Amino acid sequence: SDSVYFYRIAVFVLSFIWLVNGELLEADQDASVPEDWILVEGVEPLEEVELTFALKQQNVKQMEELLKLVSDPDSHQYGKHLSLEEVAALVQPSQLTEKVVRNWLQSHGVKNCHTVVTRDFLQCVMTVQVAEALLPGAKFHRYSRDSHTVLRSTSLYSIHKDVYQHLDFVGGVHRFPPKGKDISKGWEGARQSALGYHLGVTPSVIRSRYNLTEKDVGTATNNSQAVAQFLEQYYNPADLAEFMSLFAGGFTHMSAVERVVGTQGGGKAGIEASLDVEYIMSSGANISTWVFTNPGRHETQEPFLQWMLLLSNMSAVPWVHTISYGDDEDSLSDAYMNRINIEFMKAGLRGISMLFASGDSGAGCRHLTKERNTFRPSFPASSPYVTTVGGTSFKNPFKLTYEVTDYISGGGFSNVFAMPDYQGGAVQAYLKNVQPLPPQTYFNITGRAYPDLAALSDNYWVVTNRVPVPWVSGTSASTPVVGGMLSLINDQRFLKGLPSLGFINPRLYKLQGKGLYDVTEGCHLSCLDDKVEGKGFCASPSWDPVTGWGTPNYPALLKALMD
């Protein structure tokens, strides 16, 4: 129509003016369309999109130093965590930043905005017409995958130079929601064991292997734990009840989730979501459990970012969160990952433990050219501010034997984040003592190394859609198991008047494997080429980039973490 035509002309003229005075904002600028998303049609100018503006924060360096102090058991500030309001006072944007960004939005007629307690995010609903004028160069289209549609721009946009310096990124423009199996590399489909008659891992097997007795259940009233699920992944309360009736007979437990934050979708339950809930609640037995789920308010919002926003807006949240979610580092901008890292720091300052699955691709593989490959680290597994959990298998599939590497266990070295001080000694010892290592052209020897610890990740039983399903495997199984045990340790700490564990990595590395079973056998997979021949890193005594420090020996780990 004529109105659409003149609108496009106006946007072009306005965009030209702004591009002369604008700068490209690095984050959210991967404008490629994943193969599984199909362009459906153009978008009417008056259709609505929701964009998230990440405002520059203050005192980030001070926050990082404070996190080190409250997380270091040798510091007099250990365990002196902050409230959400205290974190907000530390990091909230300057008055100038807030004023500049809000004036910029209001000058384009954007008024439907919501902020969070920390005031460092703005979520704004606006028409496509306004969004394209606000971000010159952006041009939104509708894309579909299966039954889901999103509005996205596939062209680079700029931000006016006066506003540019006050923003970290704009969410909801380029990034497409990952497909179900990509949401967690911890779930890439159930892998059936070559030995099909393996009896499989159940809560009783977990509790036997890691020395949890029937008395190791939660009793503190102020304790809680959580799992987060994203996109098309929902747990079914009936599945959870059925799972507990089948597999949790030997210990006190809960059979229902305490609270769901967000909107549970309909349809079939997802194996990922069923696995997370069933095993955090049987490992961290009898502890109040929350499920954070895709809020579903706007399809345009990236669910992982939406979850981070929820945490920034809730004064009381569970003490342990386990998340099976990952993207390749190289698919994300540094600015985006650095900002998400700050959100993890904020959680650590509040005494929250964040556990992420290390992934199911071993060291990963990125094909740079026909002749050159490198390993492919995953984020947030590679974040220095989360605890990353790898995977193991029983040496003898028929018995409760010692554990060896699960070949899919994600691990390696970040190409973005420097090795944090807390792990320097352990990682350098591995690099010095283990030979042969993969060629140094395959990994960044100075990067943040992961995982930090591990647990069984092979051949689990799960109930989904009221049916017991065997042979479910992945680090999304090991992560809630470890999370549940940390929740039990928190429980004992609370009963003695001690603070939550919070960001556990500095303490974990100072323990140097105390309270953990060292895993010393096996390697994980990587690039299938003539240089590494499908082999990544290998397990070794002490820390290694396949299983971290090893798997929990619960009574010993509890004792080590009870002061």
Protein backbone atom coordinates (compact mmCIF):
# COMPACT_ATOMS: atom_id res chain seq x y z
CA SER A 1 0.00 0.00 0.00
CA ASP A 2 1.00 3.66 -0.34
CA SER A 3 1.38 4.05 3.42
CA VAL A 4 3.82 1.15 3.56
CA TYR A 5 5.73 2.57 0.58
CA PHE A 6 6.11 6.01 2.15
CA TYR A 7 7.01 4.41 5.48
CA ARG A 8 9.89 2.52 3.83
CA ILE A 9 11.13 5.73 2.19
CA ALA A 10 10.98 7.54 5.54
CA VAL A 11 12.90 4.77 7.27
CA PHE A 12 15.54 4.86 4.53
CA VAL A 13 16.06 8.60 4.88
CA LEU A 14 16.09 8.47 8.68
CA SER A 15 18.45 5.50 8.60
CA PHE A 16 20.87 7.34 6.35
CA ILE A 17 20.96 10.32 8.71
CA TRP A 18 21.50 8.09 11.73
CA LEU A 19 24.10 5.89 10.04
CA VAL A 20 26.21 8.97 9.40
CA ASN A 21 26.10 9.70 13.14
CA GLY A 22 25.89 6.12 14.40
CA GLU A 23 28.12 3.26 15.41
CA LEU A 24 27.65 -0.49 15.17
CA LEU A 25 26.86 -2.08 18.50
CA GLU A 26 28.97 -5.25 18.61
CA ALA A 27 26.58 -7.47 20.55
CA ASP A 28 23.65 -9.18 18.91
CA GLN A 29 25.19 -8.51 15.48
CA ASP A 30 25.33 -12.09 14.20
CA ALA A 31 22.76 -11.58 11.48
CA SER A 32 22.88 -15.05 9.91
CA VAL A 33 19.71 -17.16 9.73
CA PRO A 34 20.00 -20.74 11.04
CA GLU A 35 19.17 -23.34 8.40
CA ASP A 36 16.12 -24.63 10.26
CA TRP A 37 14.35 -21.23 10.24
CA ILE A 38 12.32 -20.42 7.11
CA LEU A 39 11.45 -16.92 5.88
CA VAL A 40 7.66 -16.80 5.86
CA GLU A 41 6.70 -13.28 4.84
CA GLY A 42 7.31 -9.61 5.41
CA VAL A 43 6.06 -7.81 8.47
CA GLU A 44 3.43 -5.10 8.72
CA PRO A 45 4.87 -1.83 10.11
CA LEU A 46 2.42 -1.78 13.02
CA GLU A 47 3.18 -5.31 14.26
CA GLU A 48 4.84 -5.36 17.67
CA VAL A 49 8.24 -6.60 18.78
CA GLU A 50 9.83 -6.66 22.23
CA LEU A 51 13.45 -5.55 22.50
CA THR A 52 15.73 -5.74 25.53
CA PHE A 53 18.22 -2.93 26.09
CA ALA A 54 21.18 -3.82 28.31
CA LEU A 55 22.31 -0.57 29.92
CA LYS A 56 25.96 -0.09 30.90
CA GLN A 57 26.50 -0.87 34.55
CA GLN A 58 28.68 0.86 37.14
CA ASN A 59 31.38 -0.58 39.42
CA VAL A 60 31.84 -3.83 37.47
CA LYS A 61 35.50 -4.17 38.53
CA GLN A 62 34.55 -3.52 42.15
CA MET A 63 31.84 -6.17 41.90
CA GLU A 64 34.34 -8.69 40.53
CA GLU A 65 36.73 -8.03 43.43
CA LEU A 66 33.91 -8.28 45.96
CA LEU A 67 32.82 -11.63 44.49
CA LYS A 68 36.35 -12.96 44.98
CA LEU A 69 36.24 -11.95 48.65
CA VAL A 70 32.82 -13.42 49.49
CA SER A 71 33.73 -16.67 47.64
CA ASP A 72 37.22 -17.21 49.06
CA PRO A 73 37.15 -19.30 52.27
CA ASP A 74 40.40 -17.64 53.40
CA SER A 75 38.85 -14.16 53.25
CA HIS A 76 37.29 -12.50 56.31
CA GLN A 77 34.39 -11.55 54.00
CA TYR A 78 33.68 -15.16 53.01
CA GLY A 79 29.96 -15.86 52.90
CA LYS A 80 28.95 -12.23 53.50
CA HIS A 81 26.62 -12.17 50.53
CA LEU A 82 24.61 -9.17 49.34
CA SER A 83 20.87 -8.74 48.91
CA LEU A 84 19.44 -7.97 45.48
CA GLU A 85 18.92 -4.38 46.61
CA GLU A 86 22.57 -4.09 47.68
CA VAL A 87 23.70 -5.49 44.33
CA ALA A 88 21.41 -3.00 42.59
CA ALA A 89 22.95 -0.08 44.51
CA LEU A 90 26.39 -1.25 43.36
CA VAL A 91 25.78 -1.86 39.66
CA GLN A 92 22.79 0.23 38.58
CA PRO A 93 23.54 2.49 35.60
CA SER A 94 24.51 6.11 36.10
CA GLN A 95 21.77 8.72 36.00
CA LEU A 96 23.27 9.97 32.75
CA THR A 97 23.05 6.51 31.14
CA GLU A 98 19.43 6.09 32.19
CA LYS A 99 18.52 9.58 31.02
CA VAL A 100 20.22 9.25 27.62
CA VAL A 101 18.68 5.84 26.85
CA ARG A 102 15.19 6.76 28.04
CA ASN A 103 15.23 10.08 26.15
CA TRP A 104 16.36 8.26 23.03
CA LEU A 105 13.51 5.76 23.33
CA GLN A 106 10.93 8.42 24.16
CA SER A 107 12.02 10.57 21.22
CA HIS A 108 10.85 7.66 19.02
CA GLY A 109 7.59 7.32 20.92
CA VAL A 110 8.68 4.23 22.87
CA LYS A 111 6.85 4.37 26.22
CA ASN A 112 5.85 0.76 26.96
CA CYS A 113 8.99 -0.22 28.89
CA HIS A 114 9.66 -2.25 32.01
CA THR A 115 12.87 -2.23 34.04
CA VAL A 116 14.23 -4.56 36.73
CA VAL A 117 15.32 -3.96 40.33
CA THR A 118 18.92 -3.42 39.24
CA ARG A 119 17.72 -0.91 36.59
CA ASP A 120 20.28 -2.23 34.09
CA PHE A 121 17.80 -3.77 31.65
CA LEU A 122 14.88 -2.18 29.83
CA GLN A 123 12.33 -4.36 28.05
CA CYS A 124 10.30 -2.33 25.61
CA VAL A 125 7.40 -3.21 23.33
CA MET A 126 7.17 -1.18 20.12
CA THR A 127 6.02 -1.47 16.54
CA VAL A 128 8.32 -2.79 13.83
CA GLN A 129 8.13 0.65 12.25
CA VAL A 130 9.54 2.26 15.38
CA ALA A 131 12.15 -0.48 15.92
CA GLU A 132 13.52 -0.01 12.42
CA ALA A 133 13.72 3.75 12.92
CA LEU A 134 15.36 3.27 16.31
CA LEU A 135 17.98 0.87 14.92
CA PRO A 136 18.90 2.14 11.43
CA GLY A 137 19.78 -0.73 9.15
CA ALA A 138 17.50 -3.23 10.89
CA LYS A 139 14.73 -4.73 8.78
CA PHE A 140 12.42 -7.25 10.43
CA HIS A 141 10.95 -10.35 8.78
CA ARG A 142 8.89 -13.26 10.06
CA TYR A 143 10.59 -16.66 10.26
CA SER A 144 9.12 -19.99 11.25
CA ARG A 145 10.38 -23.33 12.54
CA ASP A 146 7.92 -26.10 13.19
CA SER A 147 4.91 -24.32 14.71
CA HIS A 148 6.87 -21.37 16.11
CA THR A 149 7.38 -17.97 14.52
CA VAL A 150 9.67 -15.08 15.43
CA LEU A 151 10.32 -11.59 14.12
CA ARG A 152 14.01 -10.98 13.41
CA SER A 153 16.25 -8.69 11.42
CA THR A 154 19.05 -10.24 9.39
CA SER A 155 20.85 -6.99 8.58
CA LEU A 156 23.33 -5.07 10.71
CA TYR A 157 22.03 -2.04 12.54
CA SER A 158 23.65 0.98 14.14
CA ILE A 159 23.08 2.92 17.33
CA HIS A 160 23.40 6.72 17.45
CA LYS A 161 26.87 7.58 18.77
CA ASP A 162 25.43 9.52 21.71
CA VAL A 163 23.56 6.40 22.85
CA TYR A 164 26.07 3.75 21.81
CA GLN A 165 28.37 4.28 24.79
CA HIS A 166 25.51 3.66 27.23
CA LEU A 167 24.46 0.21 25.94
CA ASP A 168 26.03 -3.27 26.03
CA PHE A 169 23.61 -4.86 23.56
CA VAL A 170 20.07 -4.90 22.23
CA GLY A 171 18.33 -8.29 22.55
CA GLY A 172 15.56 -9.53 20.28
CA VAL A 173 16.94 -8.22 17.00
CA HIS A 174 19.16 -10.94 15.53
CA ARG A 175 19.50 -13.96 17.77
CA PHE A 176 17.24 -16.87 16.84
CA PRO A 177 16.13 -19.20 19.64
CA PRO A 178 18.23 -22.39 19.49
CA LYS A 179 16.53 -25.61 18.51
CA GLY A 180 15.53 -28.01 21.29
CA LYS A 181 18.65 -30.14 21.15
CA ASP A 182 20.87 -27.07 20.88
CA ILE A 183 19.40 -25.50 23.98
CA SER A 184 21.43 -28.00 25.86
CA LYS A 185 24.28 -29.82 24.38
CA GLY A 186 23.50 -31.87 27.44
CA TRP A 187 20.64 -33.39 25.44
CA GLU A 188 21.26 -34.51 21.90
CA GLY A 189 18.92 -37.45 21.94
CA ALA A 190 19.02 -40.57 24.05
CA ARG A 191 22.07 -42.62 23.23
CA GLN A 192 21.44 -46.33 23.54
CA SER A 193 24.27 -48.25 25.07
CA ALA A 194 26.06 -50.80 22.94
CA LEU A 195 25.17 -53.14 25.79
CA GLY A 196 21.40 -52.85 25.47
CA TYR A 197 20.78 -54.86 28.62
CA HIS A 198 22.42 -52.33 30.93
CA LEU A 199 20.10 -51.94 33.94
CA GLY A 200 20.60 -48.21 34.03
CA VAL A 201 21.13 -45.36 36.48
CA THR A 202 18.32 -44.57 38.94
CA PRO A 203 18.20 -42.46 42.13
CA SER A 204 19.17 -45.51 44.21
CA VAL A 205 22.24 -46.08 42.01
CA ILE A 206 23.20 -42.40 42.34
CA ARG A 207 22.77 -42.46 46.10
CA SER A 208 24.75 -45.70 46.43
CA ARG A 209 27.64 -44.56 44.25
CA TYR A 210 27.96 -41.17 45.97
CA ASN A 211 27.33 -42.52 49.49
CA LEU A 212 24.08 -40.75 50.27
CA THR A 213 22.12 -42.48 53.05
CA GLU A 214 18.38 -42.40 53.67
CA LYS A 215 19.08 -39.66 56.24
CA ASP A 216 20.70 -37.40 53.61
CA VAL A 217 17.58 -35.42 52.75
CA GLY A 218 16.59 -31.81 53.25
CA THR A 219 15.12 -30.58 56.54
CA ALA A 220 15.88 -26.83 56.62
CA THR A 221 12.85 -24.61 56.03
CA ASN A 222 14.78 -21.83 54.29
CA ASN A 223 16.36 -23.99 51.59
CA SER A 224 15.40 -24.28 47.91
CA GLN A 225 16.80 -25.31 44.53
CA ALA A 226 15.79 -24.72 40.91
CA VAL A 227 16.10 -25.91 37.34
CA ALA A 228 15.62 -23.69 34.30
CA GLN A 229 14.06 -24.98 31.09
CA PHE A 230 13.87 -23.17 27.78
CA LEU A 231 11.73 -23.41 24.67
CA GLU A 232 9.47 -26.34 23.90
CA GLN A 233 10.71 -28.12 27.05
CA TYR A 234 8.18 -28.72 29.80
CA TYR A 235 8.04 -31.09 32.70
CA ASN A 236 4.79 -32.89 33.53
CA PRO A 237 3.77 -33.04 37.23
CA ALA A 238 2.26 -36.48 36.66
CA ASP A 239 5.59 -37.73 35.29
CA LEU A 240 7.41 -36.44 38.36
CA ALA A 241 4.95 -38.16 40.71
CA GLU A 242 5.24 -41.41 38.75
CA PHE A 243 9.05 -41.22 38.75
CA MET A 244 9.16 -40.73 42.51
CA SER A 245 6.76 -43.60 43.14
CA LEU A 246 8.88 -45.93 40.99
CA PHE A 247 12.39 -44.89 41.97
CA ALA A 248 12.39 -42.92 45.26
CA GLY A 249 11.04 -45.47 47.72
CA GLY A 250 14.09 -45.62 49.99
CA PHE A 251 14.27 -42.01 51.20
CA THR A 252 12.05 -39.07 52.18
CA HIS A 253 11.26 -36.94 49.16
CA MET A 254 8.83 -34.50 47.60
CA SER A 255 6.76 -35.52 44.59
CA ALA A 256 5.70 -32.07 43.41
CA VAL A 257 7.46 -28.87 42.37
CA GLU A 258 6.97 -26.05 44.86
CA ARG A 259 6.74 -23.22 42.34
CA VAL A 260 6.74 -22.71 38.57
CA VAL A 261 8.05 -19.30 37.47
CA GLY A 262 6.78 -18.53 33.99
CA THR A 263 4.23 -20.32 31.85
CA GLN A 264 4.24 -24.07 31.41
CA GLY A 265 3.42 -25.03 27.84
CA GLY A 266 0.97 -27.67 26.79
CA GLY A 267 1.59 -30.80 24.79
CA LYS A 268 4.09 -33.52 25.50
CA ALA A 269 6.71 -33.31 28.21
CA GLY A 270 10.31 -32.93 27.09
CA ILE A 271 12.92 -35.49 28.12
CA GLU A 272 15.35 -32.68 29.02
CA ALA A 273 12.89 -31.03 31.42
CA SER A 274 11.81 -34.38 32.91
CA LEU A 275 15.44 -35.37 33.49
CA ASP A 276 16.35 -32.07 35.19
CA VAL A 277 13.42 -32.04 37.61
CA GLU A 278 13.41 -35.74 38.45
CA TYR A 279 17.11 -35.93 39.29
CA ILE A 280 17.58 -32.67 41.18
CA MET A 281 14.59 -33.68 43.34
CA SER A 282 15.87 -37.21 43.97
CA SER A 283 19.47 -36.12 44.58
CA GLY A 284 18.54 -33.02 46.56
CA ALA A 285 15.69 -34.95 48.16
CA ASN A 286 12.98 -33.30 50.25
CA ILE A 287 14.12 -29.79 49.29
CA SER A 288 11.71 -27.20 47.89
CA THR A 289 12.23 -27.05 44.12
CA TRP A 290 11.32 -24.35 41.61
CA VAL A 291 11.11 -24.60 37.84
CA PHE A 292 11.90 -21.53 35.75
CA THR A 293 10.23 -21.95 32.39
CA ASN A 294 9.85 -19.99 29.16
CA PRO A 295 7.55 -17.10 30.15
CA GLY A 296 5.82 -17.17 26.75
CA ARG A 297 4.78 -13.50 26.84
CA HIS A 298 6.50 -12.60 23.60
CA GLU A 299 7.79 -15.14 21.14
CA THR A 300 10.43 -12.63 20.07
CA GLN A 301 12.25 -12.81 23.40
CA GLU A 302 15.25 -15.10 23.73
CA PRO A 303 14.36 -17.42 26.62
CA PHE A 304 17.83 -17.57 28.19
CA LEU A 305 18.00 -13.79 28.39
CA GLN A 306 14.46 -13.72 29.78
CA TRP A 307 15.53 -16.08 32.57
CA MET A 308 18.43 -13.80 33.48
CA LEU A 309 16.00 -10.87 33.65
CA LEU A 310 13.73 -12.81 36.01
CA LEU A 311 16.64 -13.37 38.40
CA SER A 312 17.47 -9.65 38.29
CA ASN A 313 13.95 -8.86 39.43
CA MET A 314 13.36 -11.34 42.26
CA SER A 315 14.59 -10.64 45.78
CA ALA A 316 14.09 -14.24 46.97
CA VAL A 317 15.25 -17.01 44.64
CA PRO A 318 16.53 -20.57 45.20
CA TRP A 319 20.13 -21.01 46.35
CA VAL A 320 21.15 -23.56 43.68
CA HIS A 321 20.24 -23.38 39.97
CA THR A 322 21.09 -26.10 37.44
CA ILE A 323 20.85 -25.29 33.77
CA SER A 324 21.27 -27.48 30.70
CA TYR A 325 21.82 -24.80 28.08
CA GLY A 326 24.66 -23.95 25.78
CA ASP A 327 25.78 -22.20 22.62
CA ASP A 328 29.09 -22.36 20.80
CA GLU A 329 31.24 -19.45 21.94
CA ASP A 330 31.91 -18.49 18.34
CA SER A 331 28.17 -18.04 17.67
CA LEU A 332 27.95 -15.24 20.24
CA SER A 333 29.54 -11.82 20.44
CA ASP A 334 32.10 -11.08 23.13
CA ALA A 335 30.03 -8.13 24.35
CA TYR A 336 26.96 -10.33 24.87
CA MET A 337 28.91 -13.01 26.76
CA ASN A 338 30.73 -10.44 28.89
CA ARG A 339 27.42 -8.93 29.92
CA ILE A 340 25.91 -12.34 30.75
CA ASN A 341 29.05 -12.97 32.83
CA ILE A 342 28.25 -9.87 34.87
CA GLU A 343 24.78 -11.33 35.50
CA PHE A 344 26.46 -14.51 36.82
CA MET A 345 28.65 -12.36 39.07
CA LYS A 346 25.54 -10.67 40.45
CA ALA A 347 24.10 -14.11 41.27
CA GLY A 348 27.31 -15.18 43.02
CA LEU A 349 27.33 -12.01 45.11
CA ARG A 350 23.83 -12.93 46.29
CA GLY A 351 25.00 -16.38 47.45
CA ILE A 352 23.47 -18.26 44.51
CA SER A 353 25.25 -21.29 43.00
CA MET A 354 24.95 -21.53 39.20
CA LEU A 355 25.65 -24.95 37.66
CA PHE A 356 25.80 -25.48 33.90
CA ALA A 357 26.12 -28.68 31.88
CA SER A 358 29.48 -28.85 30.10
CA GLY A 359 27.92 -30.17 26.88
CA ASP A 360 27.84 -33.47 25.00
CA SER A 361 30.32 -32.76 22.20
CA GLY A 362 33.58 -33.50 23.99
CA ALA A 363 36.10 -30.84 23.01
CA GLY A 364 33.90 -29.91 20.05
CA CYS A 365 35.17 -29.18 16.58
CA ARG A 366 35.10 -26.07 14.43
CA HIS A 367 36.12 -26.32 10.79
CA LEU A 368 37.99 -23.12 9.98
CA THR A 369 39.23 -24.23 6.53
CA LYS A 370 39.45 -27.51 4.65
CA GLU A 371 42.87 -28.06 6.20
CA ARG A 372 42.43 -26.49 9.64
CA ASN A 373 40.21 -27.39 12.57
CA THR A 374 40.08 -26.21 16.17
CA PHE A 375 38.24 -27.35 19.28
CA ARG A 376 34.95 -25.53 19.95
CA PRO A 377 34.24 -24.35 23.52
CA SER A 378 30.69 -23.79 24.72
CA PHE A 379 29.15 -20.88 26.65
CA PRO A 380 28.01 -20.49 29.46
CA ALA A 381 30.04 -23.62 30.31
CA SER A 382 33.18 -21.55 29.64
CA SER A 383 32.16 -18.70 31.94
CA PRO A 384 34.59 -18.16 34.84
CA TYR A 385 31.62 -17.34 37.10
CA VAL A 386 29.62 -20.58 36.89
CA THR A 387 30.34 -24.13 38.05
CA THR A 388 30.48 -26.45 35.06
CA VAL A 389 29.63 -30.15 35.34
CA GLY A 390 31.05 -32.85 33.07
CA GLY A 391 30.08 -36.49 32.68
CA THR A 392 31.28 -39.99 33.57
CA SER A 393 30.32 -43.64 33.05
CA PHE A 394 30.78 -46.72 35.20
CA LYS A 395 33.89 -48.72 34.29
CA ASN A 396 31.82 -51.89 34.52
CA PRO A 397 28.31 -51.24 33.16
CA PHE A 398 26.82 -54.02 35.32
CA LYS A 399 28.17 -52.94 38.73
CA LEU A 400 28.62 -49.96 41.03
CA THR A 401 32.28 -49.69 40.06
CA TYR A 402 34.59 -46.71 39.83
CA GLU A 403 33.94 -44.13 37.12
CA VAL A 404 35.73 -43.33 33.87
CA THR A 405 35.27 -40.53 31.37
CA ASP A 406 32.04 -40.43 29.39
CA TYR A 407 33.43 -39.75 25.91
CA ILE A 408 30.79 -37.07 25.24
CA SER A 409 31.72 -35.01 28.34
CA GLY A 410 32.17 -31.40 27.25
CA GLY A 411 35.40 -29.70 28.23
CA GLY A 412 38.25 -27.54 27.07
CA PHE A 413 39.52 -23.98 27.13
CA SER A 414 37.66 -20.75 26.42
CA ASN A 415 38.70 -18.65 23.44
CA VAL A 416 37.11 -15.59 25.06
CA PHE A 417 37.70 -15.65 28.82
CA ALA A 418 41.10 -15.67 30.50
CA MET A 419 41.95 -18.38 32.97
CA PRO A 420 40.73 -17.19 36.40
CA ASP A 421 43.20 -17.04 39.27
CA TYR A 422 41.38 -19.69 41.28
CA GLN A 423 42.19 -22.44 38.77
CA GLY A 424 45.60 -21.38 37.49
CA GLY A 425 47.66 -23.83 39.53
CA ALA A 426 45.48 -26.85 38.80
CA VAL A 427 45.30 -26.21 35.06
CA GLN A 428 48.98 -25.44 34.69
CA ALA A 429 49.79 -28.72 36.46
CA TYR A 430 47.62 -30.59 33.95
CA LEU A 431 49.23 -28.86 30.96
CA LYS A 432 52.69 -29.59 32.33
CA ASN A 433 52.23 -33.18 33.47
CA VAL A 434 49.91 -34.75 30.89
CA GLN A 435 51.47 -35.85 27.65
CA PRO A 436 50.76 -35.91 24.83
CA LEU A 437 48.36 -32.97 24.66
CA PRO A 438 46.43 -32.07 21.52
CA PRO A 439 48.33 -29.62 19.26
CA GLN A 440 48.24 -26.09 20.70
CA THR A 441 46.67 -24.80 17.49
CA TYR A 442 43.47 -26.58 18.62
CA PHE A 443 42.93 -24.78 21.91
CA ASN A 444 43.68 -21.59 23.83
CA ILE A 445 46.20 -22.56 26.50
CA THR A 446 45.50 -19.38 28.52
CA GLY A 447 41.68 -19.62 28.51
CA ARG A 448 39.19 -20.47 31.27
CA ALA A 449 39.32 -24.26 31.50
CA TYR A 450 36.29 -26.42 32.22
CA PRO A 451 34.54 -28.50 33.59
CA ASP A 452 35.05 -28.01 37.33
CA LEU A 453 33.68 -31.39 38.47
CA ALA A 454 31.52 -34.20 37.10
CA ALA A 455 29.01 -36.96 37.84
CA LEU A 456 27.48 -39.97 36.08
CA SER A 457 25.97 -38.95 32.74
CA ASP A 458 25.29 -42.28 31.07
CA ASN A 459 22.22 -44.53 30.83
CA TYR A 460 19.66 -42.88 33.10
CA TRP A 461 16.06 -43.88 33.63
CA VAL A 462 13.55 -41.04 33.15
CA VAL A 463 9.75 -40.96 33.25
CA THR A 464 8.32 -38.80 30.48
CA ASN A 465 4.73 -38.75 29.26
CA ARG A 466 3.96 -41.37 31.95
CA VAL A 467 6.38 -43.89 30.42
CA PRO A 468 9.68 -45.00 32.03
CA VAL A 469 12.39 -44.44 29.42
CA PRO A 470 15.90 -46.00 29.72
CA TRP A 471 19.28 -45.07 28.20
CA VAL A 472 18.98 -41.31 28.54
CA SER A 473 22.45 -39.81 28.65
CA GLY A 474 24.21 -36.46 28.73
CA THR A 475 25.71 -33.88 31.03
CA SER A 476 22.20 -32.56 31.56
CA ALA A 477 21.84 -35.69 33.73
CA SER A 478 25.01 -35.12 35.76
CA THR A 479 24.33 -31.42 36.38
CA PRO A 480 21.09 -31.70 38.44
CA VAL A 481 22.63 -34.62 40.37
CA VAL A 482 25.52 -32.41 41.50
CA GLY A 483 23.13 -29.50 42.06
CA GLY A 484 20.97 -31.61 44.36
CA MET A 485 23.98 -32.61 46.45
CA LEU A 486 25.10 -28.98 46.80
CA SER A 487 21.56 -28.21 47.96
CA LEU A 488 21.89 -30.89 50.65
CA ILE A 489 25.16 -29.32 51.79
CA ASN A 490 23.47 -25.91 51.89
CA ASP A 491 20.76 -27.55 54.01
CA GLN A 492 23.29 -28.67 56.61
CA ARG A 493 24.98 -25.27 56.53
CA PHE A 494 21.68 -23.47 57.15
CA LEU A 495 20.91 -25.73 60.12
CA LYS A 496 24.23 -24.62 61.65
CA GLY A 497 23.61 -20.94 60.93
CA LEU A 498 26.15 -20.80 58.08
CA PRO A 499 25.57 -18.93 54.79
CA SER A 500 24.89 -20.64 51.46
CA LEU A 501 27.82 -21.97 49.41
CA GLY A 502 27.28 -19.33 46.72
CA PHE A 503 29.90 -19.24 43.95
CA ILE A 504 31.74 -22.43 44.85
CA ASN A 505 34.65 -22.50 42.37
CA PRO A 506 37.33 -20.71 44.44
CA ARG A 507 36.64 -23.04 47.37
CA LEU A 508 36.38 -26.11 45.14
CA TYR A 509 39.83 -25.50 43.66
CA LYS A 510 41.37 -24.86 47.10
CA LEU A 511 40.10 -28.29 48.17
CA GLN A 512 42.27 -29.79 45.39
CA GLY A 513 40.02 -32.79 44.96
CA LYS A 514 39.18 -33.36 48.62
CA GLY A 515 35.67 -34.82 48.90
CA LEU A 516 35.67 -36.03 45.28
CA TYR A 517 36.46 -39.29 43.49
CA ASP A 518 39.27 -38.62 41.05
CA VAL A 519 38.52 -39.85 37.52
CA THR A 520 41.74 -40.81 35.76
CA GLU A 521 40.72 -42.98 32.78
CA GLY A 522 39.40 -42.15 29.34
CA CYS A 523 39.35 -39.34 26.79
CA HIS A 524 36.56 -37.37 25.19
CA LEU A 525 35.82 -36.91 21.51
CA SER A 526 36.86 -34.08 19.18
CA CYS A 527 37.67 -33.42 15.51
CA LEU A 528 37.79 -36.35 13.14
CA ASP A 529 40.94 -35.40 11.28
CA ASP A 530 44.43 -36.77 10.77
CA LYS A 531 46.00 -34.63 13.51
CA VAL A 532 43.85 -35.53 16.54
CA GLU A 533 41.89 -38.49 15.07
CA GLY A 534 38.75 -37.80 17.05
CA LYS A 535 40.48 -37.57 20.45
CA GLY A 536 40.29 -34.44 22.57
CA PHE A 537 41.67 -34.22 26.11
CA CYS A 538 42.15 -37.14 28.47
CA ALA A 539 41.44 -37.64 32.15
CA SER A 540 44.37 -37.65 34.56
CA PRO A 541 45.11 -37.62 38.29
CA SER A 542 43.89 -34.35 39.87
CA TRP A 543 42.06 -31.78 37.73
CA ASP A 544 41.53 -32.37 34.00
CA PRO A 545 39.45 -30.68 31.24
CA VAL A 546 37.17 -33.72 30.86
CA THR A 547 35.89 -34.46 34.38
CA GLY A 548 37.30 -31.52 36.36
CA TRP A 549 38.25 -32.56 39.91
CA GLY A 550 36.10 -35.70 39.70
CA THR A 551 32.75 -36.86 41.07
CA PRO A 552 31.21 -36.33 44.54
CA ASN A 553 31.87 -38.50 47.55
CA TYR A 554 29.01 -36.89 49.43
CA PRO A 555 30.00 -37.45 53.10
CA ALA A 556 33.57 -36.32 52.45
CA LEU A 557 32.45 -33.33 50.37
CA LEU A 558 29.92 -32.34 53.05
CA LYS A 559 32.64 -32.45 55.71
CA ALA A 560 34.99 -30.38 53.55
CA LEU A 561 32.36 -27.68 52.98
CA MET A 562 30.94 -27.36 56.48
CA ASP A 563 32.91 -24.41 57.84
